[in-house]
C-alpha cells in the first residue's frame, strides 16, 4: 500500500489526543502479572466482561506464585464467564509457572521472551511492553485493525502485518497511547457494524466517512 503522509498521520494522532487526553488501558489491573492474565482472558471476550471477573480472581490469587500453585478446576470456575475457560485456566497457570521458574517472578521486557509464555501472543505482549515497561507498543486488537483499515493507515486484517505497518508510521513514543485511544474511539465512534460519522473527531480527514 501507499505509505500515508506524515502530515496525515500526525493529524490523526493529534485529533485522538485531543478527544481522549487520558489514554488508559481498558483492562483493570494493579500488578504487572495481572495485566498479562487479563490480556489472556480477553481473547474472544470483551474487556468489560473481563473486568467483571478479575476482581474476584485477583482477590483469591494475589501473586504469581498463587496462580502457579492454583487448583485448575477452581481457577476454571472463576474465569468461566470469559469463555474458553479450560484452555485459559491451563495457560494462565502454566504462564505463571514459567514466570516463577524461568524468570524469577520478573516480567520479561522483550516481545520475544513474552511470547514464550503460555497463552501470550503478540497483542498481549505489546500491551505489557507499553503499559508495564513503557516501551514502544503496537497493540493490534480488533479495534486497531478495523479503524486503521478505515483510515487507510494499513491495508491488512492480519494482526502481525498491521503491527509491522504501524511501526513504520506511528512514532514509537506515541504508539502505546495511540492504540489505547483507538479502543476508546472504536467504542464511541468507529464501531464495527456501523460507524458513527456524525460528530466524529476524524470526520474531516477520514477517507471512509459516510
N, C-alpha and C. Protein backbone atom coordinates (compact mmCIF):
# COMPACT_ATOMS: atom_id res chain seq x y z
N UNK A 1 0.84 -1.20 0.00
CA UNK A 1 0.00 0.00 0.00
C UNK A 1 0.87 1.25 0.00
N UNK A 2 0.28 2.35 -0.47
CA UNK A 2 1.00 3.61 -0.46
C UNK A 2 1.09 4.11 0.98
N UNK A 3 2.28 4.47 1.39
CA UNK A 3 2.51 4.94 2.75
C UNK A 3 1.79 6.27 2.97
N UNK A 4 0.96 6.37 4.03
CA UNK A 4 0.27 7.63 4.28
C UNK A 4 1.26 8.74 4.63
N UNK A 5 0.89 9.96 4.31
CA UNK A 5 1.80 11.08 4.56
C UNK A 5 1.99 11.32 6.06
N UNK A 6 3.14 11.86 6.40
CA UNK A 6 3.44 12.16 7.79
C UNK A 6 2.43 13.17 8.35
N UNK A 7 2.04 14.13 7.53
CA UNK A 7 1.08 15.15 7.96
C UNK A 7 -0.27 14.52 8.28
N UNK A 8 -0.70 13.58 7.45
CA UNK A 8 -1.98 12.90 7.66
C UNK A 8 -1.95 12.09 8.95
N UNK A 9 -0.88 11.36 9.16
CA UNK A 9 -0.75 10.55 10.38
C UNK A 9 -0.74 11.45 11.61
N UNK A 10 0.00 12.54 11.54
CA UNK A 10 0.08 13.46 12.67
C UNK A 10 -1.28 14.08 12.99
N UNK A 11 -2.09 14.34 11.95
CA UNK A 11 -3.42 14.92 12.18
C UNK A 11 -4.33 13.94 12.92
N UNK A 12 -4.19 12.66 12.62
CA UNK A 12 -4.99 11.63 13.29
C UNK A 12 -4.56 11.50 14.75
N UNK A 13 -3.26 11.44 14.97
CA UNK A 13 -2.74 11.33 16.33
C UNK A 13 -3.19 12.52 17.17
N UNK A 14 -3.08 13.73 16.61
CA UNK A 14 -3.45 14.95 17.34
C UNK A 14 -4.94 14.98 17.67
N UNK A 15 -5.78 14.57 16.72
CA UNK A 15 -7.22 14.57 16.95
C UNK A 15 -7.61 13.59 18.06
N UNK A 16 -6.97 12.43 18.07
CA UNK A 16 -7.26 11.43 19.10
C UNK A 16 -6.75 11.88 20.47
N UNK A 17 -5.61 12.55 20.47
CA UNK A 17 -5.07 13.08 21.74
C UNK A 17 -5.99 14.13 22.33
N UNK A 18 -6.56 14.95 21.45
CA UNK A 18 -7.48 15.98 21.92
C UNK A 18 -8.78 15.38 22.44
N UNK A 19 -9.29 14.36 21.73
CA UNK A 19 -10.54 13.72 22.11
C UNK A 19 -10.39 12.88 23.38
N UNK A 20 -9.25 12.22 23.51
CA UNK A 20 -9.03 11.31 24.65
C UNK A 20 -7.68 11.62 25.30
N UNK A 21 -7.61 12.68 26.09
CA UNK A 21 -6.33 13.07 26.69
C UNK A 21 -5.77 12.01 27.64
N UNK A 22 -6.66 11.27 28.28
CA UNK A 22 -6.20 10.21 29.19
C UNK A 22 -6.27 8.87 28.46
N UNK A 23 -5.12 8.42 27.98
CA UNK A 23 -5.08 7.17 27.21
C UNK A 23 -4.81 6.01 28.16
N UNK A 24 -5.87 5.52 28.77
CA UNK A 24 -5.73 4.47 29.77
C UNK A 24 -6.10 3.11 29.20
N UNK A 25 -5.44 2.09 29.69
CA UNK A 25 -5.76 0.72 29.30
C UNK A 25 -7.17 0.39 29.74
N UNK A 26 -7.90 -0.32 28.91
CA UNK A 26 -9.30 -0.63 29.24
C UNK A 26 -9.43 -1.83 30.17
N UNK A 27 -8.33 -2.54 30.43
CA UNK A 27 -8.34 -3.65 31.37
C UNK A 27 -7.91 -3.16 32.75
N UNK A 28 -8.60 -3.62 33.77
CA UNK A 28 -8.32 -3.19 35.14
C UNK A 28 -7.30 -4.13 35.79
N UNK A 29 -6.24 -3.55 36.34
CA UNK A 29 -5.21 -4.36 37.00
C UNK A 29 -4.40 -3.46 37.93
N UNK A 30 -3.68 -4.07 38.86
CA UNK A 30 -2.84 -3.29 39.77
C UNK A 30 -1.40 -3.80 39.81
N UNK A 31 -1.17 -5.01 39.29
CA UNK A 31 0.18 -5.57 39.24
C UNK A 31 0.47 -6.04 37.82
N UNK A 32 1.74 -5.99 37.40
CA UNK A 32 2.08 -6.36 36.02
C UNK A 32 1.56 -7.73 35.58
N UNK A 33 1.68 -8.74 36.44
CA UNK A 33 1.22 -10.06 36.03
C UNK A 33 -0.29 -10.10 35.84
N UNK A 34 -1.00 -9.21 36.55
CA UNK A 34 -2.46 -9.16 36.41
C UNK A 34 -2.85 -8.67 35.02
N UNK A 35 -2.07 -7.76 34.46
CA UNK A 35 -2.35 -7.29 33.10
C UNK A 35 -2.17 -8.44 32.11
N UNK A 36 -1.16 -9.25 32.32
CA UNK A 36 -0.92 -10.39 31.42
C UNK A 36 -2.09 -11.37 31.49
N UNK A 37 -2.56 -11.62 32.69
CA UNK A 37 -3.67 -12.56 32.87
C UNK A 37 -4.96 -11.99 32.30
N UNK A 38 -5.22 -10.71 32.55
CA UNK A 38 -6.41 -10.07 31.99
C UNK A 38 -6.34 -10.07 30.46
N UNK A 39 -5.15 -9.87 29.93
CA UNK A 39 -4.97 -9.92 28.48
C UNK A 39 -5.28 -11.29 27.92
N UNK A 40 -4.88 -12.32 28.63
CA UNK A 40 -5.18 -13.69 28.20
C UNK A 40 -6.68 -13.95 28.25
N UNK A 41 -7.33 -13.47 29.29
CA UNK A 41 -8.78 -13.67 29.42
C UNK A 41 -9.57 -12.93 28.35
N UNK A 42 -8.99 -11.86 27.81
CA UNK A 42 -9.72 -11.02 26.85
C UNK A 42 -9.82 -11.65 25.46
N UNK A 43 -9.12 -12.76 25.24
CA UNK A 43 -9.21 -13.43 23.94
C UNK A 43 -10.65 -13.90 23.70
N UNK A 44 -11.25 -13.43 22.61
CA UNK A 44 -12.63 -13.76 22.25
C UNK A 44 -13.60 -13.41 23.39
N UNK A 45 -13.29 -12.35 24.09
CA UNK A 45 -14.13 -11.88 25.19
C UNK A 45 -13.96 -10.38 25.32
N UNK A 46 -15.00 -9.67 25.72
CA UNK A 46 -14.90 -8.22 25.85
C UNK A 46 -14.11 -7.84 27.10
N UNK A 47 -13.45 -6.69 27.02
CA UNK A 47 -12.73 -6.18 28.19
C UNK A 47 -13.68 -5.93 29.35
N UNK A 48 -14.89 -5.49 29.03
CA UNK A 48 -15.88 -5.21 30.07
C UNK A 48 -16.19 -6.47 30.87
N UNK A 49 -16.34 -7.58 30.19
CA UNK A 49 -16.62 -8.84 30.90
C UNK A 49 -15.41 -9.29 31.71
N UNK A 50 -14.23 -9.14 31.13
CA UNK A 50 -13.01 -9.49 31.87
C UNK A 50 -12.93 -8.69 33.16
N UNK A 51 -13.26 -7.41 33.09
CA UNK A 51 -13.18 -6.55 34.28
C UNK A 51 -14.21 -6.91 35.35
N UNK A 52 -15.23 -7.65 34.96
CA UNK A 52 -16.20 -8.13 35.94
C UNK A 52 -15.69 -9.37 36.66
N UNK A 53 -14.83 -10.11 35.99
CA UNK A 53 -14.33 -11.38 36.52
C UNK A 53 -13.06 -11.19 37.37
N UNK A 54 -12.19 -10.28 36.94
CA UNK A 54 -10.87 -10.18 37.59
C UNK A 54 -10.86 -9.72 39.05
N UNK A 55 -11.82 -8.91 39.52
CA UNK A 55 -11.76 -8.56 40.95
C UNK A 55 -11.75 -9.80 41.86
N UNK A 56 -12.64 -10.72 41.61
CA UNK A 56 -12.68 -11.95 42.41
C UNK A 56 -11.41 -12.78 42.18
N UNK A 57 -10.99 -12.86 40.93
CA UNK A 57 -9.81 -13.64 40.58
C UNK A 57 -8.56 -13.12 41.28
N UNK A 58 -8.35 -11.80 41.22
CA UNK A 58 -7.13 -11.23 41.80
C UNK A 58 -7.21 -11.12 43.32
N UNK A 59 -8.40 -11.22 43.87
CA UNK A 59 -8.55 -11.25 45.32
C UNK A 59 -8.14 -12.62 45.86
N UNK A 60 -8.48 -13.67 45.10
CA UNK A 60 -8.16 -15.03 45.53
C UNK A 60 -6.69 -15.38 45.27
N UNK A 61 -6.20 -14.96 44.11
CA UNK A 61 -4.81 -15.26 43.74
C UNK A 61 -4.05 -13.92 43.65
N UNK A 62 -3.23 -13.66 44.65
CA UNK A 62 -2.63 -12.34 44.76
C UNK A 62 -1.24 -12.22 44.13
N UNK A 63 -0.64 -13.34 43.81
CA UNK A 63 0.73 -13.29 43.30
C UNK A 63 0.93 -14.31 42.18
N UNK A 64 2.08 -14.21 41.54
CA UNK A 64 2.44 -15.18 40.51
C UNK A 64 2.50 -16.58 41.11
N UNK A 65 3.05 -16.68 42.31
CA UNK A 65 3.12 -17.98 42.98
C UNK A 65 1.73 -18.56 43.23
N UNK A 66 0.80 -17.70 43.63
CA UNK A 66 -0.57 -18.17 43.89
C UNK A 66 -1.17 -18.78 42.63
N UNK A 67 -0.98 -18.13 41.49
CA UNK A 67 -1.52 -18.65 40.23
C UNK A 67 -0.78 -19.93 39.82
N UNK A 68 0.52 -19.98 40.05
CA UNK A 68 1.30 -21.15 39.67
C UNK A 68 0.86 -22.38 40.46
N UNK A 69 0.41 -22.15 41.69
CA UNK A 69 0.01 -23.26 42.56
C UNK A 69 -1.51 -23.45 42.61
N UNK A 70 -2.23 -22.72 41.79
CA UNK A 70 -3.69 -22.75 41.83
C UNK A 70 -4.26 -24.11 41.44
N UNK A 71 -5.37 -24.46 42.05
CA UNK A 71 -6.13 -25.64 41.62
C UNK A 71 -6.81 -25.28 40.30
N UNK A 72 -6.54 -26.05 39.26
CA UNK A 72 -7.02 -25.72 37.92
C UNK A 72 -8.54 -25.64 37.86
N UNK A 73 -9.23 -26.54 38.52
CA UNK A 73 -10.69 -26.54 38.47
C UNK A 73 -11.27 -25.32 39.17
N UNK A 74 -10.66 -24.90 40.27
CA UNK A 74 -11.12 -23.69 40.96
C UNK A 74 -10.88 -22.46 40.09
N UNK A 75 -9.76 -22.44 39.42
CA UNK A 75 -9.43 -21.34 38.51
C UNK A 75 -10.43 -21.29 37.36
N UNK A 76 -10.74 -22.44 36.82
CA UNK A 76 -11.72 -22.53 35.73
C UNK A 76 -13.07 -21.96 36.14
N UNK A 77 -13.49 -22.27 37.33
CA UNK A 77 -14.82 -21.86 37.80
C UNK A 77 -14.93 -20.33 37.87
N UNK A 78 -13.87 -19.68 38.30
CA UNK A 78 -13.89 -18.22 38.43
C UNK A 78 -13.90 -17.54 37.07
N UNK A 79 -13.11 -18.07 36.14
CA UNK A 79 -12.97 -17.39 34.84
C UNK A 79 -13.96 -17.89 33.80
N UNK A 80 -14.84 -18.77 34.18
CA UNK A 80 -15.79 -19.38 33.24
C UNK A 80 -16.57 -18.37 32.41
N UNK A 81 -17.02 -17.23 32.99
CA UNK A 81 -17.78 -16.25 32.18
C UNK A 81 -17.00 -15.67 31.00
N UNK A 82 -15.68 -15.81 31.01
CA UNK A 82 -14.86 -15.26 29.92
C UNK A 82 -14.77 -16.19 28.72
N UNK A 83 -15.33 -17.39 28.84
CA UNK A 83 -15.29 -18.34 27.73
C UNK A 83 -13.94 -19.02 27.60
N UNK A 84 -13.92 -20.15 26.90
CA UNK A 84 -12.70 -20.94 26.69
C UNK A 84 -11.96 -21.14 28.01
N UNK A 85 -12.73 -21.32 29.07
CA UNK A 85 -12.17 -21.28 30.42
C UNK A 85 -11.18 -22.40 30.73
N UNK A 86 -11.37 -23.57 30.12
CA UNK A 86 -10.44 -24.67 30.39
C UNK A 86 -9.06 -24.37 29.79
N UNK A 87 -9.07 -23.92 28.55
CA UNK A 87 -7.81 -23.57 27.89
C UNK A 87 -7.14 -22.39 28.57
N UNK A 88 -7.93 -21.37 28.91
CA UNK A 88 -7.37 -20.17 29.53
C UNK A 88 -6.82 -20.46 30.91
N UNK A 89 -7.52 -21.28 31.69
CA UNK A 89 -7.05 -21.61 33.03
C UNK A 89 -5.70 -22.33 32.97
N UNK A 90 -5.58 -23.27 32.05
CA UNK A 90 -4.34 -24.02 31.92
C UNK A 90 -3.19 -23.13 31.49
N UNK A 91 -3.44 -22.24 30.53
CA UNK A 91 -2.37 -21.36 30.05
C UNK A 91 -1.97 -20.34 31.11
N UNK A 92 -2.95 -19.84 31.89
CA UNK A 92 -2.63 -18.89 32.96
C UNK A 92 -1.76 -19.55 34.02
N UNK A 93 -2.12 -20.75 34.41
CA UNK A 93 -1.33 -21.49 35.41
C UNK A 93 0.08 -21.75 34.89
N UNK A 94 0.18 -22.25 33.66
CA UNK A 94 1.50 -22.56 33.09
C UNK A 94 2.32 -21.31 32.82
N UNK A 95 1.64 -20.22 32.47
CA UNK A 95 2.32 -18.94 32.29
C UNK A 95 3.02 -18.53 33.59
N UNK A 96 2.30 -18.66 34.68
CA UNK A 96 2.85 -18.22 35.97
C UNK A 96 3.90 -19.19 36.49
N UNK A 97 3.78 -20.46 36.16
CA UNK A 97 4.84 -21.41 36.50
C UNK A 97 6.13 -21.02 35.79
N UNK A 98 6.02 -20.68 34.51
CA UNK A 98 7.21 -20.28 33.75
C UNK A 98 7.78 -18.95 34.26
N UNK A 99 6.89 -18.00 34.58
CA UNK A 99 7.35 -16.73 35.15
C UNK A 99 8.12 -16.97 36.45
N UNK A 100 7.61 -17.87 37.25
CA UNK A 100 8.25 -18.18 38.54
C UNK A 100 9.57 -18.93 38.36
N UNK A 101 9.53 -19.98 37.55
CA UNK A 101 10.67 -20.89 37.47
C UNK A 101 11.78 -20.42 36.53
N UNK A 102 11.40 -19.73 35.46
CA UNK A 102 12.39 -19.30 34.47
C UNK A 102 12.83 -17.85 34.69
N UNK A 103 11.88 -17.00 35.04
CA UNK A 103 12.18 -15.57 35.14
C UNK A 103 12.20 -15.03 36.57
N UNK A 104 12.07 -15.92 37.53
CA UNK A 104 12.16 -15.49 38.93
C UNK A 104 11.08 -14.51 39.34
N UNK A 105 9.93 -14.59 38.67
CA UNK A 105 8.82 -13.71 39.00
C UNK A 105 8.91 -12.33 38.39
N UNK A 106 9.91 -12.10 37.56
CA UNK A 106 10.10 -10.80 36.88
C UNK A 106 9.50 -10.88 35.48
N UNK A 107 8.69 -9.89 35.13
CA UNK A 107 8.04 -9.87 33.81
C UNK A 107 9.07 -9.54 32.73
N UNK A 108 9.25 -10.40 31.74
CA UNK A 108 10.21 -10.12 30.66
C UNK A 108 9.90 -8.81 29.95
N UNK A 109 10.93 -8.19 29.37
CA UNK A 109 10.72 -6.89 28.73
C UNK A 109 11.06 -6.90 27.24
N UNK A 110 10.91 -8.08 26.63
CA UNK A 110 11.03 -8.15 25.17
C UNK A 110 9.84 -8.95 24.63
N UNK A 111 9.43 -8.61 23.41
CA UNK A 111 8.34 -9.34 22.76
C UNK A 111 8.70 -10.82 22.61
N UNK A 112 9.97 -11.07 22.26
CA UNK A 112 10.42 -12.43 22.03
C UNK A 112 10.27 -13.29 23.28
N UNK A 113 10.65 -12.76 24.43
CA UNK A 113 10.55 -13.53 25.67
C UNK A 113 9.10 -13.64 26.13
N UNK A 114 8.35 -12.57 26.02
CA UNK A 114 6.96 -12.59 26.46
C UNK A 114 6.15 -13.62 25.69
N UNK A 115 6.42 -13.76 24.41
CA UNK A 115 5.64 -14.69 23.60
C UNK A 115 6.06 -16.14 23.80
N UNK A 116 7.06 -16.39 24.65
CA UNK A 116 7.37 -17.78 25.02
C UNK A 116 6.48 -18.24 26.16
N UNK A 117 5.77 -17.31 26.77
CA UNK A 117 4.89 -17.65 27.90
C UNK A 117 3.58 -18.24 27.38
N UNK A 118 3.10 -19.32 27.96
CA UNK A 118 1.85 -19.93 27.51
C UNK A 118 0.69 -18.93 27.48
N UNK A 119 -0.02 -18.88 26.36
CA UNK A 119 -1.19 -18.02 26.25
C UNK A 119 -0.91 -16.58 25.89
N UNK A 120 0.36 -16.20 25.76
CA UNK A 120 0.70 -14.81 25.46
C UNK A 120 1.10 -14.67 23.99
N UNK A 121 0.25 -13.97 23.22
CA UNK A 121 0.56 -13.68 21.83
C UNK A 121 1.11 -12.28 21.71
N UNK A 122 1.30 -11.84 20.49
CA UNK A 122 1.91 -10.52 20.28
C UNK A 122 1.04 -9.38 20.79
N UNK A 123 -0.28 -9.54 20.72
CA UNK A 123 -1.17 -8.47 21.18
C UNK A 123 -0.94 -8.19 22.67
N UNK A 124 -1.02 -9.23 23.49
CA UNK A 124 -0.82 -9.04 24.93
C UNK A 124 0.63 -8.68 25.23
N UNK A 125 1.56 -9.25 24.49
CA UNK A 125 2.97 -8.92 24.70
C UNK A 125 3.22 -7.43 24.47
N UNK A 126 2.63 -6.88 23.41
CA UNK A 126 2.77 -5.45 23.15
C UNK A 126 2.11 -4.62 24.24
N UNK A 127 0.96 -5.09 24.73
CA UNK A 127 0.28 -4.39 25.81
C UNK A 127 1.17 -4.29 27.03
N UNK A 128 1.83 -5.38 27.37
CA UNK A 128 2.75 -5.41 28.52
C UNK A 128 3.96 -4.52 28.26
N UNK A 129 4.48 -4.55 27.05
CA UNK A 129 5.63 -3.71 26.72
C UNK A 129 5.33 -2.24 26.95
N UNK A 130 4.13 -1.81 26.53
CA UNK A 130 3.77 -0.40 26.67
C UNK A 130 3.38 -0.01 28.08
N UNK A 131 2.48 -0.78 28.69
CA UNK A 131 1.92 -0.38 29.98
C UNK A 131 2.79 -0.74 31.18
N UNK A 132 3.54 -1.81 31.07
CA UNK A 132 4.39 -2.24 32.19
C UNK A 132 5.79 -1.67 32.06
N UNK A 133 6.37 -1.76 30.86
CA UNK A 133 7.77 -1.38 30.68
C UNK A 133 7.96 -0.01 30.04
N UNK A 134 6.88 0.62 29.58
CA UNK A 134 6.99 1.95 28.99
C UNK A 134 7.78 1.97 27.69
N UNK A 135 7.74 0.87 26.96
CA UNK A 135 8.46 0.78 25.69
C UNK A 135 7.47 0.87 24.52
N UNK A 136 7.97 1.10 23.30
CA UNK A 136 7.07 1.16 22.15
C UNK A 136 6.18 -0.09 22.08
N UNK A 137 4.90 0.14 21.77
CA UNK A 137 3.94 -0.97 21.77
C UNK A 137 2.86 -0.72 20.74
N UNK A 138 2.62 -1.73 19.92
CA UNK A 138 1.62 -1.64 18.86
C UNK A 138 0.62 -2.78 19.07
N UNK A 139 -0.46 -2.47 19.77
CA UNK A 139 -1.44 -3.48 20.16
C UNK A 139 -2.50 -3.60 19.07
N UNK A 140 -2.36 -4.60 18.25
CA UNK A 140 -3.27 -4.73 17.10
C UNK A 140 -4.46 -5.62 17.46
N UNK A 141 -5.38 -5.04 18.23
CA UNK A 141 -6.62 -5.74 18.55
C UNK A 141 -7.65 -5.46 17.46
N UNK A 142 -8.87 -5.92 17.68
CA UNK A 142 -9.90 -5.76 16.64
C UNK A 142 -10.21 -4.30 16.35
N UNK A 143 -10.21 -3.46 17.39
CA UNK A 143 -10.46 -2.02 17.19
C UNK A 143 -9.36 -1.43 16.30
N UNK A 144 -8.12 -1.71 16.64
CA UNK A 144 -6.98 -1.18 15.91
C UNK A 144 -7.03 -1.60 14.44
N UNK A 145 -7.25 -2.88 14.19
CA UNK A 145 -7.26 -3.38 12.82
C UNK A 145 -8.38 -2.74 12.00
N UNK A 146 -9.57 -2.67 12.60
CA UNK A 146 -10.74 -2.11 11.90
C UNK A 146 -10.53 -0.62 11.59
N UNK A 147 -10.14 0.14 12.59
CA UNK A 147 -10.03 1.59 12.44
C UNK A 147 -8.87 1.98 11.52
N UNK A 148 -7.74 1.34 11.69
CA UNK A 148 -6.59 1.67 10.84
C UNK A 148 -6.87 1.32 9.38
N UNK A 149 -7.68 0.28 9.17
CA UNK A 149 -8.09 -0.04 7.80
C UNK A 149 -8.99 1.03 7.22
N UNK A 150 -9.94 1.49 8.01
CA UNK A 150 -10.86 2.53 7.54
C UNK A 150 -10.13 3.85 7.28
N UNK A 151 -9.10 4.12 8.07
CA UNK A 151 -8.33 5.35 7.91
C UNK A 151 -7.25 5.22 6.83
N UNK A 152 -7.11 4.02 6.27
CA UNK A 152 -6.10 3.74 5.24
C UNK A 152 -4.68 3.90 5.77
N UNK A 153 -4.53 3.65 7.06
CA UNK A 153 -3.19 3.62 7.64
C UNK A 153 -2.55 2.26 7.37
N UNK A 154 -3.39 1.24 7.26
CA UNK A 154 -2.94 -0.12 6.98
C UNK A 154 -3.87 -0.74 5.94
N UNK A 155 -3.44 -1.86 5.36
CA UNK A 155 -4.28 -2.49 4.34
C UNK A 155 -4.41 -4.00 4.56
N UNK A 156 -4.29 -4.43 5.82
CA UNK A 156 -4.37 -5.86 6.12
C UNK A 156 -5.27 -6.07 7.33
N UNK A 157 -5.81 -7.28 7.44
CA UNK A 157 -6.55 -7.64 8.65
C UNK A 157 -5.81 -8.73 9.43
N UNK A 158 -4.54 -8.93 9.08
CA UNK A 158 -3.68 -9.87 9.79
C UNK A 158 -2.92 -9.08 10.86
N UNK A 159 -3.12 -9.40 12.14
CA UNK A 159 -2.53 -8.59 13.22
C UNK A 159 -1.04 -8.28 13.08
N UNK A 160 -0.24 -9.29 12.78
CA UNK A 160 1.21 -9.05 12.71
C UNK A 160 1.57 -8.12 11.56
N UNK A 161 0.82 -8.18 10.45
CA UNK A 161 1.08 -7.28 9.32
C UNK A 161 0.66 -5.85 9.65
N UNK A 162 -0.47 -5.72 10.35
CA UNK A 162 -0.91 -4.39 10.78
C UNK A 162 0.14 -3.80 11.73
N UNK A 163 0.65 -4.62 12.63
CA UNK A 163 1.69 -4.17 13.55
C UNK A 163 2.91 -3.68 12.79
N UNK A 164 3.34 -4.43 11.80
CA UNK A 164 4.51 -4.05 11.01
C UNK A 164 4.29 -2.72 10.29
N UNK A 165 3.09 -2.53 9.74
CA UNK A 165 2.80 -1.29 9.02
C UNK A 165 2.73 -0.10 9.96
N UNK A 166 2.15 -0.31 11.14
CA UNK A 166 2.05 0.79 12.10
C UNK A 166 3.42 1.20 12.63
N UNK A 167 4.31 0.23 12.79
CA UNK A 167 5.65 0.55 13.28
C UNK A 167 6.39 1.51 12.34
N UNK A 168 5.99 1.51 11.08
CA UNK A 168 6.65 2.37 10.09
C UNK A 168 6.10 3.79 10.08
N UNK A 169 4.91 4.00 10.65
CA UNK A 169 4.28 5.32 10.53
C UNK A 169 3.93 5.99 11.87
N UNK A 170 3.75 5.20 12.93
CA UNK A 170 3.41 5.78 14.24
C UNK A 170 4.68 5.91 15.07
N UNK A 171 5.05 7.13 15.50
CA UNK A 171 6.27 7.30 16.29
C UNK A 171 6.27 6.39 17.52
N UNK A 172 7.39 5.76 17.83
CA UNK A 172 7.45 4.82 18.96
C UNK A 172 6.93 5.39 20.27
N UNK A 173 7.28 6.65 20.53
CA UNK A 173 6.86 7.26 21.80
C UNK A 173 5.36 7.54 21.86
N UNK A 174 4.69 7.48 20.72
CA UNK A 174 3.24 7.71 20.67
C UNK A 174 2.45 6.39 20.58
N UNK A 175 3.15 5.31 20.32
CA UNK A 175 2.50 4.07 19.91
C UNK A 175 1.53 3.48 20.94
N UNK A 176 1.95 3.34 22.17
CA UNK A 176 1.10 2.70 23.19
C UNK A 176 -0.18 3.50 23.43
N UNK A 177 -0.02 4.80 23.64
CA UNK A 177 -1.19 5.65 23.88
C UNK A 177 -2.10 5.71 22.65
N UNK A 178 -1.50 5.71 21.47
CA UNK A 178 -2.29 5.71 20.24
C UNK A 178 -3.22 4.50 20.19
N UNK A 179 -2.69 3.34 20.53
CA UNK A 179 -3.50 2.13 20.50
C UNK A 179 -4.60 2.14 21.56
N UNK A 180 -4.30 2.68 22.74
CA UNK A 180 -5.34 2.80 23.76
C UNK A 180 -6.45 3.74 23.30
N UNK A 181 -6.06 4.81 22.65
CA UNK A 181 -7.06 5.77 22.16
C UNK A 181 -7.92 5.18 21.05
N UNK A 182 -7.35 4.29 20.25
CA UNK A 182 -8.14 3.64 19.21
C UNK A 182 -9.26 2.80 19.82
N UNK A 183 -9.00 2.17 20.95
CA UNK A 183 -10.05 1.38 21.62
C UNK A 183 -11.19 2.30 22.05
N UNK A 184 -10.85 3.42 22.67
CA UNK A 184 -11.87 4.38 23.12
C UNK A 184 -12.64 4.94 21.93
N UNK A 185 -11.91 5.27 20.88
CA UNK A 185 -12.52 5.80 19.66
C UNK A 185 -13.43 4.77 19.00
N UNK A 186 -12.99 3.54 18.99
CA UNK A 186 -13.79 2.47 18.39
C UNK A 186 -15.08 2.22 19.12
N UNK A 187 -15.06 2.36 20.42
CA UNK A 187 -16.27 2.15 21.21
C UNK A 187 -17.25 3.31 21.07
N UNK A 188 -16.72 4.52 20.91
CA UNK A 188 -17.60 5.68 20.87
C UNK A 188 -18.05 6.04 19.45
N UNK A 189 -17.15 5.95 18.49
CA UNK A 189 -17.48 6.41 17.14
C UNK A 189 -17.33 5.34 16.06
N UNK A 190 -16.14 4.80 15.92
CA UNK A 190 -15.86 3.91 14.78
C UNK A 190 -16.20 2.46 15.12
N UNK A 191 -17.49 2.23 15.33
CA UNK A 191 -17.97 0.92 15.75
C UNK A 191 -17.95 -0.07 14.59
N UNK A 192 -17.92 -1.35 14.95
CA UNK A 192 -17.79 -2.39 13.93
C UNK A 192 -18.95 -2.44 12.93
N UNK A 193 -20.19 -2.54 13.41
CA UNK A 193 -21.28 -2.69 12.43
C UNK A 193 -21.51 -1.43 11.61
N UNK A 194 -21.54 -0.29 12.31
CA UNK A 194 -21.85 0.96 11.63
C UNK A 194 -21.17 2.12 12.34
N UNK A 195 -20.19 2.74 11.69
CA UNK A 195 -19.50 3.86 12.34
C UNK A 195 -20.41 5.07 12.52
N UNK A 196 -20.16 5.78 13.58
CA UNK A 196 -20.93 7.00 13.88
C UNK A 196 -20.13 8.19 13.36
N UNK A 197 -20.33 8.51 12.09
CA UNK A 197 -19.52 9.56 11.46
C UNK A 197 -19.93 10.97 11.89
N UNK A 198 -21.21 11.14 12.26
CA UNK A 198 -21.66 12.45 12.73
C UNK A 198 -21.01 12.76 14.06
N UNK A 199 -20.31 13.85 14.11
CA UNK A 199 -19.63 14.25 15.34
C UNK A 199 -18.29 13.59 15.54
N UNK A 200 -17.87 12.75 14.62
CA UNK A 200 -16.58 12.04 14.74
C UNK A 200 -15.43 13.03 14.65
N UNK A 201 -14.47 12.98 15.57
CA UNK A 201 -13.34 13.92 15.55
C UNK A 201 -12.41 13.71 14.35
N UNK A 202 -12.57 12.60 13.63
CA UNK A 202 -11.71 12.33 12.47
C UNK A 202 -12.48 12.47 11.16
N UNK A 203 -13.72 12.92 11.23
CA UNK A 203 -14.57 13.03 10.03
C UNK A 203 -13.94 13.91 8.95
N UNK A 204 -13.19 14.91 9.37
CA UNK A 204 -12.60 15.84 8.41
C UNK A 204 -11.49 15.25 7.57
N UNK A 205 -10.89 14.15 8.05
CA UNK A 205 -9.76 13.57 7.31
C UNK A 205 -10.00 12.13 6.88
N UNK A 206 -11.02 11.48 7.45
CA UNK A 206 -11.22 10.05 7.20
C UNK A 206 -11.68 9.77 5.76
N UNK A 207 -10.98 8.91 5.04
CA UNK A 207 -11.35 8.60 3.65
C UNK A 207 -12.57 7.67 3.56
N UNK A 208 -12.98 7.10 4.70
CA UNK A 208 -14.12 6.16 4.70
C UNK A 208 -15.39 6.77 5.30
N UNK A 209 -15.36 8.06 5.61
CA UNK A 209 -16.52 8.68 6.27
C UNK A 209 -17.77 8.55 5.41
N UNK A 210 -18.88 8.35 6.09
CA UNK A 210 -20.15 8.26 5.40
C UNK A 210 -20.42 6.90 4.79
